Amino acid sequence: MKTRKNLFHLLSLLLLASLVLVACGPAATQAPASSGDALYDAAKAEGMLTTIALPHDWCNYEKMFAGFKAKYPGITINELDPGAGSAEELEAIKANKDNPGPQAPDVVDIGIGLAPGAKEEGLIQPYKVATWDDIPAGAKDADGYWYGDYYGVLAFEVNTAEVANPPAEYADLLKPEYNGQVALSGDPLTSNAAILSVWAAGLSTGATGTEAAQAGLEFFKQLNEAGNYVPIDGDSRTVGIGETPILIDWSYNSIANDIALAGNPDLVTNVPKKGIMAGVYVQAISAYAPHPNAAKLWMEYLYSDEGQLTYASGFCYPIRLDAMNAAGTVPAEVFEQLPSIEGAYFPTIAEIDAAKEVIVSGWPTVVGVQVKPLP
């Protein structure tokens, strides 16, 4: 993704335009599909789509589900484990290879660093959506096994009722005033967001490459020894009740959570300037999908203008934004609520793989704490 750095500043400005949808109301939902659409007919015959790890408050998936069901009546959405991490999604495919029942996911939404490995293991199958050409080459597999759907940057989600002086940089998190307050949005052994958060903390020290991954482990060791790190898989609930009043999470989740809490309490979203880390998530269809046609139809919806603007209304950067803007399908008004991603680091897949290996193998011994899962 490093080759796309110059494009991302432009995308950050363009996304502000698409976010007017949040202020002015939801995007117009397309009319229900009619019989005669071969893919819809085949998907309707299957009758179900099974998703996994798609919380309703993540990138506006609640609205995405509603839009899909409105356009394609007759297809039930079976949602598995909304709180699962990227690695757990792939484990669910492995565990259900011979299971055509409701516990087998049809589709996954995972961090880009895990996608090539999933292809090599034969866990996912190729499919190219109609808008394939709009997806930047650096964000998709050339053969169609996986493709980026949205991205964002890591930020500090802070409960201002509990934290009088919200931290601005990773180094701030080590201050005594944040004792017992800092958490990750996942387990660094399985969560893409948590792995990238540890790496970002290392990058903020000035380290680079795998040295930054090791520096990130050392940072969290310090954070834990200082009593500031709370080993809980944090989310909007733990932030809101003050259990983890400072959470390192994606900017889009933090902004959405602030709106959802409506001042009870107020949250602030701070994107650190040092170690600003971007992350692309990708979609893929399970090689063992019990409902392969429903899975393909879901992909078509996600990558349609309607689906991409739904991501934008959930404060995520839709992957087709550049092409959509060029085509004039993004509203022109500006809605300034998303932090700029200028200067963000977009790591390559090879860099993510190297950092992940260091962090996953080193966390148990360097940091030495087990992250408590959400109830």
Protein backbone atom coordinates (compact mmCIF):
# COMPACT_ATOMS: atom_id res chain seq x y z
CA MET A 1 0.00 0.00 0.00
CA LYS A 2 2.99 2.36 0.18
CA THR A 3 2.60 3.13 -3.53
CA ARG A 4 -0.80 4.70 -2.79
CA LYS A 5 0.35 7.24 -0.18
CA ASN A 6 -0.07 10.25 -2.48
CA LEU A 7 -3.60 9.17 -3.29
CA PHE A 8 -4.71 8.88 0.32
CA HIS A 9 -4.45 12.60 1.10
CA LEU A 10 -6.80 13.25 -1.80
CA LEU A 11 -9.10 10.50 -0.58
CA SER A 12 -9.25 12.01 2.90
CA LEU A 13 -10.51 15.26 1.43
CA LEU A 14 -12.96 13.55 -0.87
CA LEU A 15 -14.43 11.46 1.93
CA LEU A 16 -15.55 14.58 3.73
CA ALA A 17 -17.95 15.11 0.87
CA SER A 18 -19.45 11.66 1.14
CA LEU A 19 -19.98 12.01 4.87
CA VAL A 20 -22.67 14.62 4.29
CA LEU A 21 -24.93 11.59 4.09
CA VAL A 22 -24.74 11.36 7.87
CA ALA A 23 -25.85 14.94 8.34
CA CYS A 24 -28.49 15.02 5.62
CA GLY A 25 -29.97 11.57 6.09
CA PRO A 26 -29.36 8.06 4.72
CA ALA A 27 -28.53 7.40 1.10
CA ALA A 28 -31.47 6.50 -1.06
CA THR A 29 -31.96 2.75 -1.00
CA GLN A 30 -32.32 1.12 -4.38
CA ALA A 31 -35.58 -0.59 -5.24
CA PRO A 32 -35.85 -4.29 -4.41
CA ALA A 33 -34.30 -6.53 -7.05
CA SER A 34 -36.72 -8.36 -9.30
CA SER A 35 -36.83 -11.98 -10.31
CA GLY A 36 -34.91 -12.58 -13.48
CA ASP A 37 -31.65 -11.44 -11.95
CA ALA A 38 -29.80 -14.76 -12.19
CA LEU A 39 -27.50 -14.21 -9.21
CA TYR A 40 -30.35 -12.96 -7.00
CA ASP A 41 -32.54 -15.89 -8.02
CA ALA A 42 -29.77 -18.34 -7.16
CA ALA A 43 -29.10 -16.62 -3.84
CA LYS A 44 -32.80 -16.52 -3.01
CA ALA A 45 -32.99 -20.25 -3.65
CA GLU A 46 -30.24 -20.72 -1.04
CA GLY A 47 -32.26 -18.50 1.31
CA MET A 48 -29.48 -17.46 3.69
CA LEU A 49 -26.22 -15.55 4.02
CA THR A 50 -23.95 -16.26 7.00
CA THR A 51 -21.62 -13.46 8.09
CA ILE A 52 -19.13 -13.29 10.95
CA ALA A 53 -17.44 -10.54 12.97
CA LEU A 54 -19.60 -7.67 11.72
CA PRO A 55 -20.75 -5.56 14.70
CA HIS A 56 -23.68 -3.32 13.81
CA ASP A 57 -21.80 -0.22 14.97
CA TRP A 58 -18.70 -1.01 12.88
CA CYS A 59 -18.63 0.94 9.59
CA ASN A 60 -22.44 1.15 9.72
CA TYR A 61 -23.03 -2.57 9.17
CA GLU A 62 -26.44 -2.21 10.80
CA LYS A 63 -27.53 -0.05 7.87
CA MET A 64 -25.66 -2.31 5.45
CA PHE A 65 -27.65 -5.34 6.61
CA ALA A 66 -30.91 -3.40 6.39
CA GLY A 67 -30.13 -2.15 2.89
CA PHE A 68 -29.21 -5.61 1.64
CA LYS A 69 -32.37 -7.19 3.05
CA ALA A 70 -34.54 -4.41 1.60
CA LYS A 71 -33.05 -4.83 -1.86
CA TYR A 72 -32.96 -8.63 -1.77
CA PRO A 73 -36.00 -9.89 0.15
CA GLY A 74 -36.14 -13.60 0.81
CA ILE A 75 -32.55 -13.93 2.02
CA THR A 76 -32.05 -14.28 5.77
CA ILE A 77 -28.81 -12.96 7.28
CA ASN A 78 -27.33 -15.26 9.90
CA GLU A 79 -24.81 -13.30 12.00
CA LEU A 80 -22.04 -15.20 13.79
CA ASP A 81 -19.92 -13.80 16.66
CA PRO A 82 -19.90 -10.04 15.94
CA GLY A 83 -16.97 -9.55 18.32
CA ALA A 84 -14.59 -12.02 16.65
CA GLY A 85 -11.15 -10.95 15.43
CA SER A 86 -9.79 -11.47 11.92
CA ALA A 87 -7.85 -14.64 12.79
CA GLU A 88 -10.92 -16.08 14.49
CA GLU A 89 -12.92 -15.56 11.30
CA LEU A 90 -10.49 -17.73 9.37
CA GLU A 91 -10.49 -20.32 12.16
CA ALA A 92 -14.28 -20.47 11.80
CA ILE A 93 -13.84 -21.41 8.14
CA LYS A 94 -11.30 -24.11 9.03
CA ALA A 95 -13.50 -25.52 11.78
CA ASN A 96 -16.52 -25.80 9.50
CA LYS A 97 -15.03 -27.12 6.26
CA ASP A 98 -17.38 -30.09 6.25
CA ASN A 99 -20.27 -28.35 7.97
CA PRO A 100 -22.96 -26.90 5.68
CA GLY A 101 -24.94 -25.70 8.68
CA PRO A 102 -25.45 -22.24 10.21
CA GLN A 103 -22.05 -22.18 11.97
CA ALA A 104 -20.13 -22.03 8.69
CA PRO A 105 -19.44 -18.46 7.51
CA ASP A 106 -20.01 -17.61 3.87
CA VAL A 107 -17.96 -14.41 3.92
CA VAL A 108 -15.23 -12.81 6.01
CA ASP A 109 -14.10 -9.22 6.59
CA ILE A 110 -10.46 -9.39 7.70
CA GLY A 111 -7.31 -7.30 7.96
CA ILE A 112 -5.41 -7.19 4.68
CA GLY A 113 -2.34 -8.82 6.22
CA LEU A 114 -4.21 -12.10 6.72
CA ALA A 115 -5.65 -12.30 3.22
CA PRO A 116 -2.72 -13.78 1.25
CA GLY A 117 -2.29 -16.54 3.84
CA ALA A 118 -5.99 -17.37 3.63
CA LYS A 119 -5.61 -17.75 -0.12
CA GLU A 120 -2.53 -19.97 0.22
CA GLU A 121 -4.35 -22.21 2.70
CA GLY A 122 -7.26 -22.62 0.32
CA LEU A 123 -9.73 -21.02 2.71
CA ILE A 124 -11.22 -18.52 0.25
CA GLN A 125 -12.46 -18.60 -3.34
CA PRO A 126 -12.15 -16.08 -6.19
CA TYR A 127 -14.93 -13.77 -7.30
CA LYS A 128 -14.67 -10.41 -9.04
CA VAL A 129 -17.46 -7.91 -8.41
CA ALA A 130 -18.89 -5.76 -11.22
CA THR A 131 -16.99 -2.71 -9.91
CA TRP A 132 -13.69 -4.61 -9.78
CA ASP A 133 -11.79 -2.08 -11.88
CA ASP A 134 -12.56 0.70 -9.37
CA ILE A 135 -10.64 -1.06 -6.59
CA PRO A 136 -6.98 0.09 -6.51
CA ALA A 137 -4.55 -2.62 -7.59
CA GLY A 138 -2.65 -2.43 -4.31
CA ALA A 139 -5.78 -3.27 -2.37
CA LYS A 140 -6.84 -6.48 -4.12
CA ASP A 141 -5.64 -9.89 -5.18
CA ALA A 142 -5.16 -9.97 -8.95
CA ASP A 143 -7.08 -13.25 -9.20
CA GLY A 144 -10.04 -12.00 -7.15
CA TYR A 145 -9.55 -14.01 -3.97
CA TRP A 146 -9.76 -10.92 -1.75
CA TYR A 147 -10.26 -7.16 -2.15
CA GLY A 148 -10.26 -4.11 0.08
CA ASP A 149 -13.61 -2.67 1.09
CA TYR A 150 -12.75 0.21 3.46
CA TYR A 151 -9.94 1.66 5.60
CA GLY A 152 -9.28 4.02 8.48
CA VAL A 153 -6.61 5.11 10.96
CA LEU A 154 -5.97 4.15 14.56
CA ALA A 155 -7.00 6.70 17.18
CA PHE A 156 -7.48 7.18 20.90
CA GLU A 157 -11.15 6.91 21.88
CA VAL A 158 -11.37 8.75 25.20
CA ASN A 159 -14.18 9.10 27.74
CA THR A 160 -13.83 12.75 28.77
CA ALA A 161 -15.97 12.24 31.87
CA GLU A 162 -13.21 9.98 33.23
CA VAL A 163 -10.14 11.52 31.57
CA ALA A 164 -9.67 15.25 32.09
CA ASN A 165 -6.67 15.54 29.76
CA PRO A 166 -7.08 13.16 26.81
CA PRO A 167 -3.76 11.80 25.49
CA ALA A 168 -2.61 13.05 22.10
CA GLU A 169 0.38 10.77 21.44
CA TYR A 170 1.36 7.21 22.35
CA ALA A 171 4.08 8.52 24.68
CA ASP A 172 1.36 10.27 26.71
CA LEU A 173 -0.18 6.91 27.60
CA LEU A 174 2.74 6.21 29.94
CA LYS A 175 1.85 9.16 32.19
CA PRO A 176 0.82 8.25 35.78
CA GLU A 177 -2.50 10.07 35.35
CA TYR A 178 -3.68 7.28 33.02
CA ASN A 179 -3.24 4.50 35.56
CA GLY A 180 -5.67 1.65 34.90
CA GLN A 181 -7.23 3.36 31.91
CA VAL A 182 -5.66 2.21 28.60
CA ALA A 183 -6.90 -0.77 26.56
CA LEU A 184 -6.70 -2.30 23.10
CA SER A 185 -9.72 -3.12 20.96
CA GLY A 186 -8.80 -6.77 20.75
CA ASP A 187 -6.25 -9.44 21.60
CA PRO A 188 -2.82 -8.98 19.95
CA LEU A 189 -2.70 -12.72 19.38
CA THR A 190 -5.75 -12.73 17.08
CA SER A 191 -6.97 -9.19 16.36
CA ASN A 192 -5.74 -7.23 13.34
CA ALA A 193 -6.56 -3.92 15.02
CA ALA A 194 -4.69 -4.86 18.19
CA ILE A 195 -1.62 -6.06 16.30
CA LEU A 196 -1.47 -2.83 14.31
CA SER A 197 -1.96 -0.81 17.52
CA VAL A 198 1.07 -2.42 19.14
CA TRP A 199 3.07 -1.82 15.97
CA ALA A 200 1.92 1.81 15.79
CA ALA A 201 3.10 2.39 19.36
CA GLY A 202 6.51 1.13 18.28
CA LEU A 203 6.54 3.35 15.20
CA SER A 204 5.81 6.34 17.43
CA THR A 205 9.17 5.84 19.13
CA GLY A 206 10.99 6.38 15.84
CA ALA A 207 11.70 2.69 15.23
CA THR A 208 10.99 1.20 11.80
CA GLY A 209 10.15 -2.18 10.29
CA THR A 210 10.25 -5.23 12.54
CA GLU A 211 12.25 -3.18 15.03
CA ALA A 212 9.13 -1.07 15.45
CA ALA A 213 7.11 -4.20 16.17
CA GLN A 214 9.58 -5.14 18.91
CA ALA A 215 9.53 -1.56 20.18
CA GLY A 216 5.76 -1.80 20.36
CA LEU A 217 6.02 -4.87 22.57
CA GLU A 218 8.47 -3.06 24.83
CA PHE A 219 6.11 -0.07 24.95
CA PHE A 220 3.22 -2.23 26.15
CA LYS A 221 5.51 -3.94 28.63
CA GLN A 222 6.21 -0.49 30.10
CA LEU A 223 2.53 0.40 29.96
CA ASN A 224 1.63 -2.79 31.79
CA GLU A 225 4.37 -2.41 34.42
CA ALA A 226 3.23 1.16 35.03
CA GLY A 227 -0.27 -0.13 35.76
CA ASN A 228 -1.76 1.87 32.90
CA TYR A 229 -2.62 -1.03 30.59
CA VAL A 230 -5.92 -2.81 31.17
CA PRO A 231 -5.79 -6.27 29.49
CA ILE A 232 -9.39 -6.24 28.32
CA ASP A 233 -10.75 -6.55 24.79
CA GLY A 234 -12.27 -3.08 24.94
CA ASP A 235 -15.26 -1.67 23.08
CA SER A 236 -17.72 1.20 23.27
CA ARG A 237 -19.38 -0.27 26.37
CA THR A 238 -16.15 -0.52 28.37
CA VAL A 239 -15.21 3.01 27.31
CA GLY A 240 -18.64 4.39 28.15
CA ILE A 241 -18.82 2.89 31.65
CA GLY A 242 -15.24 3.91 32.42
CA GLU A 243 -13.81 0.38 32.61
CA THR A 244 -11.37 1.25 29.80
CA PRO A 245 -11.76 5.03 29.39
CA ILE A 246 -8.92 5.20 26.86
CA LEU A 247 -9.21 2.76 23.98
CA ILE A 248 -6.90 2.42 20.97
CA ASP A 249 -9.30 1.71 18.11
CA TRP A 250 -10.14 2.70 14.55
CA SER A 251 -11.14 6.33 14.08
CA TYR A 252 -14.44 5.35 12.49
CA ASN A 253 -15.47 3.30 15.53
CA SER A 254 -14.58 6.12 17.90
CA ILE A 255 -16.55 8.74 15.99
CA ALA A 256 -19.57 6.45 15.62
CA ASN A 257 -19.46 5.57 19.33
CA ASP A 258 -19.39 9.25 20.29
CA ILE A 259 -22.50 9.88 18.21
CA ALA A 260 -24.26 6.79 19.57
CA LEU A 261 -23.58 7.75 23.20
CA ALA A 262 -25.03 11.24 22.53
CA GLY A 263 -23.10 12.93 25.31
CA ASN A 264 -23.59 10.23 27.92
CA PRO A 265 -20.63 10.43 28.21
CA ASP A 266 -18.83 12.60 25.66
CA LEU A 267 -16.01 10.91 23.77
CA VAL A 268 -13.10 12.53 21.98
CA THR A 269 -11.23 11.02 19.04
CA ASN A 270 -7.53 11.86 18.96
CA VAL A 271 -5.40 10.63 16.06
CA PRO A 272 -1.74 10.64 17.13
CA LYS A 273 0.67 12.39 14.78
CA LYS A 274 3.53 10.09 15.70
CA GLY A 275 2.94 6.51 14.64
CA ILE A 276 -0.28 7.26 12.71
CA MET A 277 -1.24 3.88 11.31
CA ALA A 278 -3.75 3.14 8.55
CA GLY A 279 -5.43 -0.20 8.08
CA VAL A 280 -7.25 -1.68 5.12
CA TYR A 281 -9.86 -4.38 5.63
CA VAL A 282 -10.76 -6.82 2.88
CA GLN A 283 -13.67 -9.03 1.92
CA ALA A 284 -13.45 -12.65 0.82
CA ILE A 285 -15.80 -15.57 0.20
CA SER A 286 -15.17 -18.83 2.04
CA ALA A 287 -14.00 -21.68 -0.17
CA TYR A 288 -16.52 -23.80 1.75
CA ALA A 289 -19.41 -21.31 1.72
CA PRO A 290 -22.73 -23.13 2.19
CA HIS A 291 -24.42 -20.24 0.33
CA PRO A 292 -21.95 -19.23 -2.40
CA ASN A 293 -24.45 -17.30 -4.50
CA ALA A 294 -25.72 -15.31 -1.52
CA ALA A 295 -22.08 -14.57 -0.72
CA LYS A 296 -21.46 -13.23 -4.24
CA LEU A 297 -24.64 -11.15 -4.07
CA TRP A 298 -23.48 -9.69 -0.75
CA MET A 299 -20.18 -8.72 -2.34
CA GLU A 300 -21.96 -7.02 -5.23
CA TYR A 301 -23.97 -5.00 -2.74
CA LEU A 302 -20.97 -3.98 -0.64
CA TYR A 303 -19.08 -2.71 -3.68
CA SER A 304 -22.05 -0.97 -5.30
CA ASP A 305 -22.38 2.81 -4.90
CA GLU A 306 -25.06 2.21 -2.28
CA GLY A 307 -22.88 -0.10 -0.25
CA GLN A 308 -19.79 2.08 -0.51
CA LEU A 309 -21.70 5.18 0.59
CA THR A 310 -23.06 3.19 3.51
CA TYR A 311 -19.47 2.62 4.62
CA ALA A 312 -18.86 6.36 4.27
CA SER A 313 -21.88 7.17 6.42
CA GLY A 314 -20.26 4.97 9.08
CA PHE A 315 -17.08 7.10 8.96
CA CYS A 316 -15.05 4.54 7.01
CA TYR A 317 -13.10 5.40 3.87
CA PRO A 318 -14.77 3.35 1.09
CA ILE A 319 -12.26 1.71 -1.19
CA ARG A 320 -13.99 2.92 -4.39
CA LEU A 321 -14.18 6.55 -3.26
CA ASP A 322 -11.68 7.88 -5.79
CA ALA A 323 -13.42 6.28 -8.77
CA MET A 324 -16.86 7.24 -7.48
CA ASN A 325 -15.85 10.86 -7.09
CA ALA A 326 -14.44 10.91 -10.61
CA ALA A 327 -17.78 9.55 -11.85
CA GLY A 328 -19.71 12.21 -9.93
CA THR A 329 -21.53 9.73 -7.68
CA VAL A 330 -20.33 11.25 -4.39
CA PRO A 331 -22.32 14.21 -2.98
CA ALA A 332 -20.44 17.48 -3.32
CA GLU A 333 -21.23 18.90 0.13
CA VAL A 334 -18.57 18.78 2.82
CA PHE A 335 -19.19 17.27 6.22
CA GLU A 336 -16.18 17.87 8.41
CA GLN A 337 -16.29 15.22 11.06
CA LEU A 338 -13.62 12.72 10.07
CA PRO A 339 -10.00 13.23 11.19
CA SER A 340 -7.51 13.78 8.39
CA ILE A 341 -5.36 10.79 7.48
CA GLU A 342 -2.60 12.95 6.08
CA GLY A 343 0.78 11.42 6.84
CA ALA A 344 -0.69 8.01 7.69
CA TYR A 345 1.52 4.96 7.22
CA PHE A 346 0.00 2.36 4.88
CA PRO A 347 2.11 -0.76 5.38
CA THR A 348 2.62 -3.38 2.68
CA ILE A 349 1.36 -6.91 3.23
CA ALA A 350 4.94 -8.13 3.62
CA GLU A 351 5.55 -5.53 6.33
CA ILE A 352 2.34 -6.51 8.12
CA ASP A 353 3.34 -10.19 8.01
CA ALA A 354 6.75 -9.45 9.49
CA ALA A 355 5.35 -7.24 12.25
CA LYS A 356 2.59 -9.72 13.06
CA GLU A 357 5.09 -12.55 13.50
CA VAL A 358 7.11 -10.49 15.97
CA ILE A 359 4.07 -9.31 17.94
CA VAL A 360 2.13 -12.59 18.10
CA SER A 361 5.19 -14.61 19.10
CA GLY A 362 6.53 -11.98 21.50
CA TRP A 363 3.43 -10.79 23.34
CA PRO A 364 3.20 -13.74 25.80
CA THR A 365 6.82 -13.40 26.92
CA VAL A 366 7.56 -9.67 26.56
CA VAL A 367 4.28 -8.23 27.84
CA GLY A 368 3.20 -11.39 29.61
CA VAL A 369 -0.51 -10.76 30.07
CA GLN A 370 -3.52 -12.50 28.63
CA VAL A 371 -6.23 -10.26 27.22
CA LYS A 372 -9.65 -10.86 28.75
CA PRO A 373 -12.30 -11.33 26.04
CA LEU A 374 -15.57 -9.46 25.94
CA PRO A 375 -18.41 -11.17 27.82
